[in-house]
Amino acid sequence: MDTLLLIVGLSALLLLVMLLTRTREKPSRSRNTPKVRWLDPAVQATFDRQAGRAVTVPKGKDAMWERKVLSQLRGDRAAMERLVAGQAKRFPRAGRAELLERVYDDYVRDQR
């Protein structure tokens, strides 16, 4: 029993020494590493994949519905614009926020 405690204690001490003496290296960024991490659709919504540049983030109700629609479409902005254009043909007097809301409702309904 005493030997077991001695072995466990020495192992813990060795582990502590190894953790305290290890060198910490900064992670290197290669040229192939993308500048934008695709964490979630909200992050993807601010980056245009085809153009390879950042897109300005709108504010207000438009932004809320854009985030919701893009999260459903997994960040596919082109698909969102096509769906909005289709809704605009059906409802020419509707504002962008209302069109986005209709797109979101239709998409969620169709996913059931």
Protein backbone atom coordinates (compact mmCIF):
# COMPACT_ATOMS: atom_id res chain seq x y z
CA MET A 1 0.00 0.00 0.00
CA ASP A 2 2.84 2.37 0.88
CA THR A 3 4.61 1.55 -2.39
CA LEU A 4 1.46 2.30 -4.37
CA LEU A 5 1.11 5.71 -2.72
CA LEU A 6 4.78 6.41 -3.37
CA ILE A 7 4.42 5.50 -7.07
CA VAL A 8 1.27 7.62 -7.48
CA GLY A 9 2.91 10.56 -5.70
CA LEU A 10 6.06 10.35 -7.82
CA SER A 11 3.98 10.08 -10.99
CA ALA A 12 1.98 13.17 -10.04
CA LEU A 13 5.19 15.05 -9.23
CA LEU A 14 6.73 14.02 -12.56
CA LEU A 15 3.62 15.15 -14.43
CA LEU A 16 3.68 18.51 -12.65
CA VAL A 17 7.35 19.04 -13.50
CA MET A 18 6.71 18.15 -17.15
CA LEU A 19 3.80 20.56 -17.38
CA LEU A 20 5.74 23.41 -15.79
CA THR A 21 8.87 22.97 -17.89
CA ARG A 22 7.35 22.52 -21.34
CA THR A 23 8.00 25.17 -23.94
CA ARG A 24 5.07 27.07 -25.30
CA GLU A 25 5.16 27.73 -29.01
CA LYS A 26 2.96 30.16 -30.84
CA PRO A 27 0.87 28.43 -33.48
CA SER A 28 2.14 29.28 -36.93
CA ARG A 29 -0.26 30.38 -39.63
CA SER A 30 0.40 28.94 -43.02
CA ARG A 31 -0.66 30.64 -46.21
CA ASN A 32 -3.31 28.00 -46.80
CA THR A 33 -5.13 28.71 -43.55
CA PRO A 34 -8.39 30.58 -44.25
CA LYS A 35 -8.66 34.01 -42.71
CA VAL A 36 -12.27 33.41 -41.67
CA ARG A 37 -13.22 30.51 -39.45
CA TRP A 38 -16.57 28.99 -40.32
CA LEU A 39 -17.88 28.69 -36.80
CA ASP A 40 -21.56 29.21 -37.39
CA PRO A 41 -23.88 30.64 -40.03
CA ALA A 42 -23.95 34.04 -38.33
CA VAL A 43 -20.21 34.33 -38.91
CA GLN A 44 -20.55 33.03 -42.45
CA ALA A 45 -23.21 35.63 -43.15
CA THR A 46 -20.63 38.41 -42.91
CA PHE A 47 -18.32 36.84 -45.48
CA ASP A 48 -19.08 36.49 -49.18
CA ARG A 49 -17.55 33.17 -50.24
CA GLN A 50 -17.54 33.81 -53.98
CA ALA A 51 -16.02 37.29 -53.82
CA GLY A 52 -13.71 36.35 -50.95
CA ARG A 53 -14.35 39.54 -49.05
CA ALA A 54 -16.28 40.79 -46.06
CA VAL A 55 -19.82 42.06 -46.53
CA THR A 56 -21.26 44.95 -44.57
CA VAL A 57 -23.69 43.78 -41.92
CA PRO A 58 -27.09 45.49 -42.14
CA LYS A 59 -28.85 46.67 -39.00
CA GLY A 60 -32.42 46.52 -37.77
CA LYS A 61 -35.15 44.06 -38.71
CA ASP A 62 -33.46 43.29 -42.01
CA ALA A 63 -30.38 42.08 -40.16
CA MET A 64 -32.39 39.92 -37.80
CA TRP A 65 -34.23 38.17 -40.62
CA GLU A 66 -31.06 37.89 -42.71
CA ARG A 67 -29.31 36.13 -39.83
CA LYS A 68 -32.25 33.76 -39.39
CA VAL A 69 -32.52 32.97 -43.10
CA LEU A 70 -28.76 32.55 -43.51
CA SER A 71 -28.62 30.24 -40.52
CA GLN A 72 -31.28 28.04 -42.15
CA LEU A 73 -29.46 28.17 -45.50
CA ARG A 74 -26.08 27.46 -43.85
CA GLY A 75 -24.64 30.80 -44.93
CA ASP A 76 -25.55 30.58 -48.63
CA ARG A 77 -26.12 34.26 -49.40
CA ALA A 78 -26.73 33.65 -53.13
CA ALA A 79 -29.58 31.24 -52.36
CA MET A 80 -31.03 33.77 -49.92
CA GLU A 81 -30.99 36.50 -52.58
CA ARG A 82 -32.67 34.18 -55.10
CA LEU A 83 -35.41 33.34 -52.61
CA VAL A 84 -35.91 37.02 -51.76
CA ALA A 85 -36.12 37.88 -55.48
CA GLY A 86 -38.75 35.17 -55.92
CA GLN A 87 -40.79 36.54 -53.03
CA ALA A 88 -40.39 40.08 -54.42
CA LYS A 89 -42.06 38.96 -57.66
CA ARG A 90 -45.00 37.61 -55.68
CA PHE A 91 -45.21 40.60 -53.31
CA PRO A 92 -43.84 43.66 -55.15
CA ARG A 93 -44.85 46.19 -52.48
CA ALA A 94 -43.32 44.33 -49.54
CA GLY A 95 -40.19 45.64 -47.86
CA ARG A 96 -36.99 43.63 -47.57
CA ALA A 97 -37.63 42.69 -43.93
CA GLU A 98 -41.08 41.34 -44.80
CA LEU A 99 -39.69 39.42 -47.79
CA LEU A 100 -37.00 37.87 -45.60
CA GLU A 101 -39.61 36.93 -43.03
CA ARG A 102 -41.70 35.24 -45.71
CA VAL A 103 -38.63 33.38 -47.02
CA TYR A 104 -37.82 32.21 -43.48
CA ASP A 105 -41.39 31.08 -42.77
CA ASP A 106 -41.65 29.23 -46.09
CA TYR A 107 -38.29 27.54 -45.61
CA VAL A 108 -39.06 26.41 -42.05
CA ARG A 109 -42.51 25.20 -43.12
CA ASP A 110 -41.02 23.23 -46.03
CA GLN A 111 -38.42 21.59 -43.77
CA ARG A 112 -41.09 19.90 -41.65
